Amino acid sequence: MDIAQLSMAMSASQVQTAFGAAMFSKSLDTAAVAGEQITNMIDASAMELSVNPAVGANFDMYV
């Protein structure tokens, strides 16, 4: 294998590694945003905005 082929192979490997890291970073950002949105949906203020806030807010438990 000559130097030119080795250089091209190493460069391609570096590009693939950089691309993989960038895609992983983007997917982490997307997951963080999705988690934040889910947390906001679960927030108690979301229950106050429901159509019928009395339904499902409480439950009775007898033992």
C-alpha atoms as a PDB file:
ATOM      1  CA  MET A   1       0.000   0.000   0.000  1.00  0.00           C
ATOM      2  CA  ASP A   2       1.514   3.298  -0.951  1.00  0.00           C
ATOM      3  CA  ILE A   3       1.470   6.555   0.996  1.00  0.00           C
ATOM      4  CA  ALA A   4      -1.305   8.175  -1.089  1.00  0.00           C
ATOM      5  CA  GLN A   5      -3.729   5.301  -0.528  1.00  0.00           C
ATOM      6  CA  LEU A   6      -2.908   5.211   3.170  1.00  0.00           C
ATOM      7  CA  SER A   7      -3.461   8.951   3.444  1.00  0.00           C
ATOM      8  CA  MET A   8      -6.816   8.741   1.667  1.00  0.00           C
ATOM      9  CA  ALA A   9      -7.928   5.831   3.856  1.00  0.00           C
ATOM     10  CA  MET A  10      -6.977   7.668   7.038  1.00  0.00           C
ATOM     11  CA  SER A  11      -8.721  10.822   5.861  1.00  0.00           C
ATOM     12  CA  ALA A  12     -11.895   8.888   5.048  1.00  0.00           C
ATOM     13  CA  SER A  13     -11.759   7.265   8.461  1.00  0.00           C
ATOM     14  CA  GLN A  14     -11.438  10.643  10.161  1.00  0.00           C
ATOM     15  CA  VAL A  15     -14.373  12.019   8.170  1.00  0.00           C
ATOM     16  CA  GLN A  16     -16.541   9.037   9.119  1.00  0.00           C
ATOM     17  CA  THR A  17     -15.594   9.399  12.780  1.00  0.00           C
ATOM     18  CA  ALA A  18     -16.362  13.124  12.773  1.00  0.00           C
ATOM     19  CA  PHE A  19     -19.686  12.531  11.034  1.00  0.00           C
ATOM     20  CA  GLY A  20     -20.637   9.826  13.533  1.00  0.00           C
ATOM     21  CA  ALA A  21     -19.785  12.081  16.468  1.00  0.00           C
ATOM     22  CA  ALA A  22     -21.804  14.954  15.002  1.00  0.00           C
ATOM     23  CA  MET A  23     -24.819  12.721  14.421  1.00  0.00           C
ATOM     24  CA  PHE A  24     -24.560  11.330  17.954  1.00  0.00           C
ATOM     25  CA  SER A  25     -24.410  14.855  19.356  1.00  0.00           C
ATOM     26  CA  LYS A  26     -27.476  15.845  17.342  1.00  0.00           C
ATOM     27  CA  SER A  27     -29.416  12.799  18.558  1.00  0.00           C
ATOM     28  CA  LEU A  28     -28.489  13.653  22.172  1.00  0.00           C
ATOM     29  CA  ASP A  29     -29.776  17.186  21.657  1.00  0.00           C
ATOM     30  CA  THR A  30     -33.008  15.844  20.178  1.00  0.00           C
ATOM     31  CA  ALA A  31     -33.458  13.440  23.103  1.00  0.00           C
ATOM     32  CA  ALA A  32     -32.871  16.260  25.579  1.00  0.00           C
ATOM     33  CA  VAL A  33     -35.507  18.422  23.910  1.00  0.00           C
ATOM     34  CA  ALA A  34     -37.978  15.521  23.850  1.00  0.00           C
ATOM     35  CA  GLY A  35     -37.364  14.845  27.534  1.00  0.00           C
ATOM     36  CA  GLU A  36     -37.903  18.480  28.371  1.00  0.00           C
ATOM     37  CA  GLN A  37     -41.179  18.515  26.445  1.00  0.00           C
ATOM     38  CA  ILE A  38     -42.371  15.366  28.222  1.00  0.00           C
ATOM     39  CA  THR A  39     -41.485  16.934  31.572  1.00  0.00           C
ATOM     40  CA  ASN A  40     -43.489  20.021  30.637  1.00  0.00           C
ATOM     41  CA  MET A  41     -46.481  17.883  29.646  1.00  0.00           C
ATOM     42  CA  ILE A  42     -46.406  16.047  32.974  1.00  0.00           C
ATOM     43  CA  ASP A  43     -46.223  19.291  34.900  1.00  0.00           C
ATOM     44  CA  ALA A  44     -49.187  19.998  37.182  1.00  0.00           C
ATOM     45  CA  SER A  45     -50.113  23.101  35.214  1.00  0.00           C
ATOM     46  CA  ALA A  46     -50.984  20.847  32.282  1.00  0.00           C
ATOM     47  CA  MET A  47     -53.677  19.201  34.415  1.00  0.00           C
ATOM     48  CA  GLU A  48     -55.211  22.619  35.039  1.00  0.00           C
ATOM     49  CA  LEU A  49     -55.582  23.179  31.303  1.00  0.00           C
ATOM     50  CA  SER A  50     -57.564  19.998  30.703  1.00  0.00           C
ATOM     51  CA  VAL A  51     -61.194  20.212  29.557  1.00  0.00           C
ATOM     52  CA  ASN A  52     -62.542  18.641  32.736  1.00  0.00           C
ATOM     53  CA  PRO A  53     -59.946  19.126  35.490  1.00  0.00           C
ATOM     54  CA  ALA A  54     -61.974  17.181  38.108  1.00  0.00           C
ATOM     55  CA  VAL A  55     -61.739  13.933  36.152  1.00  0.00           C
ATOM     56  CA  GLY A  56     -58.628  11.902  36.889  1.00  0.00           C
ATOM     57  CA  ALA A  57     -57.092  14.348  39.343  1.00  0.00           C
ATOM     58  CA  ASN A  58     -58.029  12.328  42.453  1.00  0.00           C
ATOM     59  CA  PHE A  59     -58.787   8.745  43.312  1.00  0.00           C
ATOM     60  CA  ASP A  60     -60.289   7.046  46.342  1.00  0.00           C
ATOM     61  CA  MET A  61     -58.609   4.005  47.778  1.00  0.00           C
ATOM     62  CA  TYR A  62     -60.225   1.740  50.311  1.00  0.00           C
ATOM     63  CA  VAL A  63     -58.378  -1.008  52.155  1.00  0.00           C
END
